[in-house]
Amino acid sequence: MTKSILSTLKAVSRPEKSITPEAKRRDKLISRLQVQREMATALVNGESYTCYKEKWQKNEETGQQEKVKVAKKVSPWFYSRNGQYYLEVRFANKPLELSKGNHAIEVGDKENLPTVIQTVIDATANGELDKALEAQSRNLSIVKSRS
């Protein structure tokens, strides 16, 4: 008797979703930081960078809805002042307070940008920015409740 192909796989029950609000904020920030890292890498290599998003659009000829890639405007979180580059980690379109009164990271040369952004990604994945993300989210919900 031959062994079935499916029997070579390990079947398990479906795991429950256990995404906490902290994990959602972390994932959102990490995905945005990855875009910033790609932008910084393009800047260092002297290339232009375009971010795309998928959008449903009606095809004029067939009348069918289809997904198309559309250029998306993404502002860089890094900037140059007096020959130095700085990075602001942003959440809800506001810079995070990384330590008391400090909202920016001194990067130095633009060649350091991708490495610094990767370090911030690693710190975010490690949960080091959870308190700042929670504070920013709390401020956002307070502002929304006032309006």
N, C-alpha and C. Protein backbone atom coordinates (compact mmCIF):
# COMPACT_ATOMS: atom_id res chain seq x y z
N MET A 1 0.85 -1.18 0.00
CA MET A 1 0.00 0.00 0.00
C MET A 1 0.89 1.24 0.00
N THR A 2 0.56 2.21 -0.84
CA THR A 2 1.37 3.43 -0.93
C THR A 2 0.87 4.45 0.08
N LYS A 3 1.77 5.23 0.55
CA LYS A 3 1.45 6.28 1.52
C LYS A 3 0.88 7.48 0.77
N SER A 4 -0.23 8.05 1.27
CA SER A 4 -0.83 9.19 0.59
C SER A 4 0.01 10.45 0.81
N ILE A 5 -0.09 11.35 -0.11
CA ILE A 5 0.68 12.59 -0.04
C ILE A 5 0.22 13.44 1.15
N LEU A 6 -1.09 13.49 1.37
CA LEU A 6 -1.61 14.28 2.49
C LEU A 6 -1.14 13.76 3.84
N SER A 7 -0.89 12.48 3.95
CA SER A 7 -0.45 11.93 5.23
C SER A 7 0.94 12.40 5.61
N THR A 8 1.68 12.98 4.66
CA THR A 8 3.01 13.51 4.97
C THR A 8 2.92 14.88 5.65
N LEU A 9 1.74 15.50 5.62
CA LEU A 9 1.55 16.81 6.25
C LEU A 9 0.97 16.63 7.64
N LYS A 10 1.24 17.58 8.51
CA LYS A 10 0.71 17.54 9.87
C LYS A 10 -0.56 18.38 9.94
N ALA A 11 -1.70 17.74 10.12
CA ALA A 11 -2.99 18.44 10.21
C ALA A 11 -3.25 18.83 11.66
N VAL A 12 -3.67 20.07 11.87
CA VAL A 12 -3.97 20.57 13.22
C VAL A 12 -5.27 21.34 13.18
N SER A 13 -5.85 21.58 14.35
CA SER A 13 -7.06 22.40 14.39
C SER A 13 -6.68 23.85 14.12
N ARG A 14 -7.63 24.61 13.66
CA ARG A 14 -7.38 26.01 13.29
C ARG A 14 -7.07 26.82 14.55
N PRO A 15 -5.93 27.53 14.57
CA PRO A 15 -5.60 28.33 15.75
C PRO A 15 -6.50 29.57 15.84
N GLU A 16 -6.78 29.96 17.06
CA GLU A 16 -7.62 31.14 17.29
C GLU A 16 -6.82 32.40 16.99
N LYS A 17 -7.52 33.43 16.54
CA LYS A 17 -6.87 34.73 16.35
C LYS A 17 -6.61 35.32 17.72
N SER A 18 -5.40 35.70 17.96
CA SER A 18 -5.08 36.29 19.25
C SER A 18 -4.27 37.56 19.06
N ILE A 19 -4.72 38.38 18.12
CA ILE A 19 -3.99 39.62 17.86
C ILE A 19 -4.47 40.68 18.85
N THR A 20 -3.55 41.11 19.67
CA THR A 20 -3.86 42.14 20.66
C THR A 20 -3.77 43.51 20.01
N PRO A 21 -4.33 44.53 20.64
CA PRO A 21 -4.17 45.89 20.09
C PRO A 21 -2.71 46.30 19.96
N GLU A 22 -1.88 45.86 20.92
CA GLU A 22 -0.44 46.18 20.85
C GLU A 22 0.18 45.56 19.60
N ALA A 23 -0.18 44.31 19.32
CA ALA A 23 0.38 43.62 18.15
C ALA A 23 -0.09 44.29 16.86
N LYS A 24 -1.33 44.73 16.82
CA LYS A 24 -1.85 45.43 15.62
C LYS A 24 -1.08 46.72 15.38
N ARG A 25 -0.87 47.49 16.47
CA ARG A 25 -0.12 48.75 16.32
C ARG A 25 1.31 48.47 15.87
N ARG A 26 1.93 47.45 16.47
CA ARG A 26 3.28 47.07 16.11
C ARG A 26 3.37 46.71 14.63
N ASP A 27 2.45 45.86 14.16
CA ASP A 27 2.45 45.43 12.76
C ASP A 27 2.27 46.60 11.80
N LYS A 28 1.36 47.51 12.17
CA LYS A 28 1.11 48.69 11.34
C LYS A 28 2.36 49.55 11.22
N LEU A 29 3.03 49.78 12.37
CA LEU A 29 4.23 50.60 12.36
C LEU A 29 5.35 49.91 11.60
N ILE A 30 5.51 48.61 11.78
CA ILE A 30 6.58 47.89 11.08
C ILE A 30 6.38 47.95 9.57
N SER A 31 5.14 47.79 9.10
CA SER A 31 4.92 47.84 7.65
C SER A 31 5.24 49.23 7.10
N ARG A 32 4.94 50.27 7.85
CA ARG A 32 5.26 51.63 7.40
C ARG A 32 6.76 51.90 7.48
N LEU A 33 7.42 51.34 8.48
CA LEU A 33 8.88 51.50 8.59
C LEU A 33 9.59 50.77 7.44
N GLN A 34 9.04 49.66 6.99
CA GLN A 34 9.64 48.94 5.87
C GLN A 34 9.58 49.78 4.60
N VAL A 35 8.48 50.50 4.40
CA VAL A 35 8.38 51.42 3.26
C VAL A 35 9.43 52.53 3.39
N GLN A 36 9.59 53.06 4.60
CA GLN A 36 10.59 54.10 4.83
C GLN A 36 12.00 53.58 4.55
N ARG A 37 12.26 52.32 4.93
CA ARG A 37 13.58 51.72 4.67
C ARG A 37 13.82 51.61 3.16
N GLU A 38 12.78 51.21 2.42
CA GLU A 38 12.91 51.12 0.96
C GLU A 38 13.16 52.50 0.36
N MET A 39 12.48 53.53 0.87
CA MET A 39 12.70 54.90 0.39
C MET A 39 14.13 55.34 0.68
N ALA A 40 14.61 55.05 1.88
CA ALA A 40 15.96 55.44 2.28
C ALA A 40 17.00 54.72 1.44
N THR A 41 16.78 53.45 1.16
CA THR A 41 17.71 52.69 0.33
C THR A 41 17.77 53.27 -1.07
N ALA A 42 16.61 53.65 -1.61
CA ALA A 42 16.58 54.29 -2.94
C ALA A 42 17.33 55.62 -2.91
N LEU A 43 17.17 56.39 -1.83
CA LEU A 43 17.88 57.67 -1.70
C LEU A 43 19.39 57.45 -1.68
N VAL A 44 19.84 56.48 -0.91
CA VAL A 44 21.27 56.19 -0.81
C VAL A 44 21.83 55.75 -2.16
N ASN A 45 21.05 54.96 -2.91
CA ASN A 45 21.50 54.46 -4.22
C ASN A 45 21.27 55.45 -5.35
N GLY A 46 20.70 56.62 -5.03
CA GLY A 46 20.45 57.63 -6.05
C GLY A 46 19.33 57.27 -7.00
N GLU A 47 18.40 56.43 -6.55
CA GLU A 47 17.28 56.00 -7.38
C GLU A 47 16.02 56.71 -6.92
N SER A 48 14.99 56.69 -7.77
CA SER A 48 13.71 57.23 -7.34
C SER A 48 12.87 56.07 -6.81
N TYR A 49 11.98 56.36 -5.87
CA TYR A 49 11.16 55.33 -5.25
C TYR A 49 9.70 55.69 -5.39
N THR A 50 8.90 54.74 -5.80
CA THR A 50 7.46 54.93 -5.89
C THR A 50 6.78 53.80 -5.15
N CYS A 51 5.88 54.16 -4.27
CA CYS A 51 5.11 53.18 -3.51
C CYS A 51 3.77 53.00 -4.23
N TYR A 52 3.29 51.78 -4.29
CA TYR A 52 2.03 51.49 -4.97
C TYR A 52 1.02 50.90 -4.00
N LYS A 53 -0.25 51.14 -4.31
CA LYS A 53 -1.33 50.49 -3.58
C LYS A 53 -2.26 49.88 -4.63
N GLU A 54 -2.99 48.86 -4.21
CA GLU A 54 -3.94 48.23 -5.12
C GLU A 54 -5.30 48.89 -4.96
N LYS A 55 -5.98 49.06 -6.08
CA LYS A 55 -7.26 49.74 -6.06
C LYS A 55 -8.18 49.06 -7.08
N TRP A 56 -9.46 48.93 -6.73
CA TRP A 56 -10.43 48.39 -7.67
C TRP A 56 -10.87 49.50 -8.61
N GLN A 57 -10.87 49.18 -9.91
CA GLN A 57 -11.23 50.18 -10.90
C GLN A 57 -12.02 49.50 -12.02
N LYS A 58 -12.97 50.21 -12.56
CA LYS A 58 -13.79 49.66 -13.64
C LYS A 58 -13.05 49.80 -14.96
N ASN A 59 -12.94 48.69 -15.67
CA ASN A 59 -12.30 48.69 -16.98
C ASN A 59 -13.27 49.32 -17.98
N GLU A 60 -12.83 50.34 -18.69
CA GLU A 60 -13.69 51.07 -19.63
C GLU A 60 -14.19 50.19 -20.78
N GLU A 61 -13.33 49.28 -21.25
CA GLU A 61 -13.69 48.45 -22.40
C GLU A 61 -14.64 47.32 -22.03
N THR A 62 -14.32 46.61 -20.94
CA THR A 62 -15.11 45.42 -20.58
C THR A 62 -16.22 45.73 -19.58
N GLY A 63 -16.09 46.82 -18.84
CA GLY A 63 -17.07 47.15 -17.82
C GLY A 63 -16.91 46.35 -16.54
N GLN A 64 -15.86 45.53 -16.47
CA GLN A 64 -15.59 44.68 -15.29
C GLN A 64 -14.71 45.42 -14.29
N GLN A 65 -14.91 45.09 -13.02
CA GLN A 65 -14.04 45.64 -11.97
C GLN A 65 -12.74 44.85 -11.98
N GLU A 66 -11.63 45.55 -11.89
CA GLU A 66 -10.34 44.86 -11.82
C GLU A 66 -9.41 45.62 -10.89
N LYS A 67 -8.47 44.88 -10.30
CA LYS A 67 -7.50 45.49 -9.41
C LYS A 67 -6.36 46.05 -10.23
N VAL A 68 -6.00 47.30 -9.93
CA VAL A 68 -4.87 47.93 -10.61
C VAL A 68 -3.93 48.53 -9.56
N LYS A 69 -2.68 48.65 -9.93
CA LYS A 69 -1.71 49.28 -9.04
C LYS A 69 -1.68 50.77 -9.34
N VAL A 70 -1.78 51.57 -8.28
CA VAL A 70 -1.78 53.02 -8.42
C VAL A 70 -0.68 53.59 -7.53
N ALA A 71 0.04 54.58 -8.03
CA ALA A 71 1.08 55.22 -7.23
C ALA A 71 0.46 55.86 -5.99
N LYS A 72 1.14 55.72 -4.87
CA LYS A 72 0.64 56.23 -3.60
C LYS A 72 1.66 57.24 -3.07
N LYS A 73 1.19 58.37 -2.60
CA LYS A 73 2.09 59.39 -2.07
C LYS A 73 2.49 59.01 -0.65
N VAL A 74 3.77 58.89 -0.44
CA VAL A 74 4.30 58.58 0.89
C VAL A 74 5.36 59.61 1.21
N SER A 75 5.20 60.30 2.33
CA SER A 75 6.18 61.30 2.74
C SER A 75 7.30 60.63 3.53
N PRO A 76 8.53 61.04 3.28
CA PRO A 76 9.63 60.45 4.05
C PRO A 76 9.60 60.93 5.50
N TRP A 77 9.99 60.06 6.40
CA TRP A 77 10.07 60.41 7.82
C TRP A 77 11.47 60.90 8.18
N PHE A 78 12.35 60.98 7.18
CA PHE A 78 13.72 61.43 7.42
C PHE A 78 13.96 62.73 6.68
N TYR A 79 14.88 63.52 7.21
CA TYR A 79 15.17 64.81 6.60
C TYR A 79 16.59 65.22 6.97
N SER A 80 17.10 66.20 6.24
CA SER A 80 18.47 66.67 6.43
C SER A 80 18.47 68.08 7.01
N ARG A 81 19.24 68.30 8.04
CA ARG A 81 19.45 69.63 8.63
C ARG A 81 20.95 69.79 8.94
N ASN A 82 21.54 70.84 8.42
CA ASN A 82 22.95 71.15 8.68
C ASN A 82 23.87 69.98 8.37
N GLY A 83 23.61 69.29 7.26
CA GLY A 83 24.49 68.19 6.84
C GLY A 83 24.25 66.88 7.57
N GLN A 84 23.32 66.84 8.51
CA GLN A 84 23.00 65.62 9.26
C GLN A 84 21.61 65.14 8.86
N TYR A 85 21.41 63.84 8.86
CA TYR A 85 20.09 63.29 8.64
C TYR A 85 19.45 62.92 9.96
N TYR A 86 18.13 63.09 10.02
CA TYR A 86 17.34 62.77 11.21
C TYR A 86 16.16 61.92 10.78
N LEU A 87 15.66 61.10 11.69
CA LEU A 87 14.51 60.24 11.43
C LEU A 87 13.48 60.45 12.52
N GLU A 88 12.25 60.68 12.10
CA GLU A 88 11.13 60.73 13.04
C GLU A 88 10.31 59.47 12.83
N VAL A 89 10.05 58.73 13.90
CA VAL A 89 9.18 57.57 13.81
C VAL A 89 7.77 58.09 14.02
N ARG A 90 6.92 57.91 13.01
CA ARG A 90 5.58 58.51 13.06
C ARG A 90 4.51 57.44 13.20
N PHE A 91 3.48 57.77 13.97
CA PHE A 91 2.31 56.91 14.12
C PHE A 91 1.10 57.82 14.19
N ALA A 92 0.08 57.54 13.41
CA ALA A 92 -1.11 58.39 13.30
C ALA A 92 -0.70 59.79 12.84
N ASN A 93 0.29 59.83 11.94
CA ASN A 93 0.80 61.04 11.32
C ASN A 93 1.39 62.04 12.31
N LYS A 94 1.83 61.56 13.46
CA LYS A 94 2.50 62.40 14.45
C LYS A 94 3.77 61.67 14.90
N PRO A 95 4.85 62.43 15.15
CA PRO A 95 6.09 61.78 15.59
C PRO A 95 5.92 61.20 17.00
N LEU A 96 6.46 59.99 17.19
CA LEU A 96 6.43 59.36 18.51
C LEU A 96 7.48 60.00 19.41
N GLU A 97 7.14 60.11 20.68
CA GLU A 97 8.12 60.58 21.66
C GLU A 97 8.95 59.37 22.08
N LEU A 98 10.20 59.33 21.61
CA LEU A 98 11.05 58.17 21.83
C LEU A 98 11.63 58.16 23.24
N SER A 99 11.92 59.33 23.76
CA SER A 99 12.28 59.50 25.16
C SER A 99 11.79 60.89 25.54
N LYS A 100 11.81 61.21 26.80
CA LYS A 100 11.21 62.45 27.30
C LYS A 100 11.66 63.66 26.48
N GLY A 101 10.73 64.22 25.70
CA GLY A 101 10.99 65.43 24.92
C GLY A 101 11.73 65.21 23.61
N ASN A 102 12.07 63.96 23.28
CA ASN A 102 12.84 63.68 22.06
C ASN A 102 11.97 62.92 21.06
N HIS A 103 11.84 63.53 19.87
CA HIS A 103 10.98 62.94 18.84
C HIS A 103 11.75 62.50 17.60
N ALA A 104 13.04 62.75 17.55
CA ALA A 104 13.83 62.43 16.35
C ALA A 104 15.05 61.61 16.73
N ILE A 105 15.56 60.87 15.75
CA ILE A 105 16.78 60.09 15.91
C ILE A 105 17.84 60.70 15.01
N GLU A 106 19.00 60.99 15.57
CA GLU A 106 20.11 61.52 14.76
C GLU A 106 20.74 60.35 14.02
N VAL A 107 20.74 60.44 12.69
CA VAL A 107 21.22 59.35 11.85
C VAL A 107 22.65 59.60 11.40
N GLY A 108 23.00 60.86 11.12
CA GLY A 108 24.32 61.18 10.59
C GLY A 108 24.25 61.22 9.08
N ASP A 109 25.11 60.43 8.42
CA ASP A 109 25.12 60.38 6.95
C ASP A 109 23.91 59.63 6.43
N LYS A 110 23.49 59.97 5.21
CA LYS A 110 22.31 59.31 4.63
C LYS A 110 22.56 57.83 4.41
N GLU A 111 23.80 57.40 4.29
CA GLU A 111 24.12 55.99 4.11
C GLU A 111 23.69 55.16 5.33
N ASN A 112 23.56 55.81 6.49
CA ASN A 112 23.17 55.12 7.73
C ASN A 112 21.66 54.93 7.85
N LEU A 113 20.89 55.63 7.02
CA LEU A 113 19.43 55.59 7.15
C LEU A 113 18.83 54.18 7.13
N PRO A 114 19.13 53.35 6.11
CA PRO A 114 18.51 52.01 6.10
C PRO A 114 18.84 51.19 7.35
N THR A 115 20.07 51.29 7.84
CA THR A 115 20.48 50.54 9.03
C THR A 115 19.74 51.03 10.26
N VAL A 116 19.62 52.35 10.41
CA VAL A 116 18.92 52.92 11.57
C VAL A 116 17.44 52.52 11.52
N ILE A 117 16.83 52.59 10.34
CA ILE A 117 15.42 52.22 10.21
C ILE A 117 15.23 50.74 10.54
N GLN A 118 16.17 49.89 10.11
CA GLN A 118 16.08 48.46 10.43
C GLN A 118 16.19 48.25 11.94
N THR A 119 17.03 49.04 12.61
CA THR A 119 17.15 48.96 14.06
C THR A 119 15.83 49.32 14.73
N VAL A 120 15.16 50.36 14.21
CA VAL A 120 13.85 50.75 14.76
C VAL A 120 12.82 49.65 14.51
N ILE A 121 12.87 49.01 13.34
CA ILE A 121 11.96 47.89 13.04
C ILE A 121 12.17 46.77 14.06
N ASP A 122 13.44 46.43 14.32
CA ASP A 122 13.75 45.37 15.28
C ASP A 122 13.28 45.74 16.68
N ALA A 123 13.48 47.00 17.07
CA ALA A 123 13.03 47.46 18.39
C ALA A 123 11.51 47.40 18.49
N THR A 124 10.82 47.76 17.41
CA THR A 124 9.35 47.71 17.40
C THR A 124 8.87 46.27 17.53
N ALA A 125 9.48 45.37 16.78
CA ALA A 125 9.10 43.95 16.84
C ALA A 125 9.36 43.38 18.23
N ASN A 126 10.35 43.93 18.91
CA ASN A 126 10.71 43.48 20.26
C ASN A 126 9.80 44.10 21.32
N GLY A 127 8.92 45.02 20.91
CA GLY A 127 7.98 45.63 21.85
C GLY A 127 8.50 46.85 22.58
N GLU A 128 9.64 47.38 22.15
CA GLU A 128 10.26 48.51 22.84
C GLU A 128 9.51 49.82 22.63
N LEU A 129 8.68 49.91 21.60
CA LEU A 129 7.94 51.14 21.34
C LEU A 129 6.47 51.03 21.74
N ASP A 130 6.09 49.94 22.41
CA ASP A 130 4.69 49.72 22.77
C ASP A 130 4.10 50.85 23.62
N LYS A 131 4.88 51.34 24.61
CA LYS A 131 4.36 52.40 25.48
C LYS A 131 4.12 53.69 24.69
N ALA A 132 5.04 54.03 23.80
CA ALA A 132 4.89 55.24 22.99
C ALA A 132 3.71 55.09 22.03
N LEU A 133 3.56 53.90 21.44
CA LEU A 133 2.44 53.65 20.54
C LEU A 133 1.11 53.72 21.27
N GLU A 134 1.07 53.17 22.49
CA GLU A 134 -0.16 53.20 23.27
C GLU A 134 -0.52 54.63 23.65
N ALA A 135 0.48 55.42 24.06
CA ALA A 135 0.24 56.81 24.42
C ALA A 135 -0.28 57.59 23.21
N GLN A 136 0.31 57.37 22.05
CA GLN A 136 -0.14 58.05 20.83
C GLN A 136 -1.57 57.64 20.48
N SER A 137 -1.89 56.36 20.62
CA SER A 137 -3.24 55.88 20.33
C SER A 137 -4.24 56.47 21.31
N ARG A 138 -3.86 56.56 22.58
CA ARG A 138 -4.73 57.14 23.59
C ARG A 138 -5.01 58.61 23.27
N ASN A 139 -3.98 59.36 22.89
CA ASN A 139 -4.15 60.77 22.52
C ASN A 139 -5.07 60.89 21.31
N LEU A 140 -4.94 59.96 20.37
CA LEU A 140 -5.77 59.97 19.18
C LEU A 140 -7.23 59.72 19.54
N SER A 141 -7.48 58.77 20.43
CA SER A 141 -8.87 58.47 20.81
C SER A 141 -9.47 59.60 21.63
N ILE A 142 -8.65 60.32 22.41
CA ILE A 142 -9.15 61.47 23.17
C ILE A 142 -9.58 62.57 22.22
N VAL A 143 -8.77 62.83 21.20
CA VAL A 143 -9.08 63.86 20.21
C VAL A 143 -10.36 63.49 19.46
N LYS A 144 -10.51 62.19 19.09
CA LYS A 144 -11.70 61.76 18.37
C LYS A 144 -12.96 61.91 19.23
N SER A 145 -12.85 61.63 20.53
CA SER A 145 -14.03 61.71 21.39
C SER A 145 -14.47 63.15 21.63
N ARG A 146 -13.55 64.10 21.51
CA ARG A 146 -13.89 65.52 21.68
C ARG A 146 -14.68 66.06 20.51
N SER A 147 -14.44 65.52 19.30
CA SER A 147 -15.09 66.08 18.12
C SER A 147 -16.50 65.64 17.95
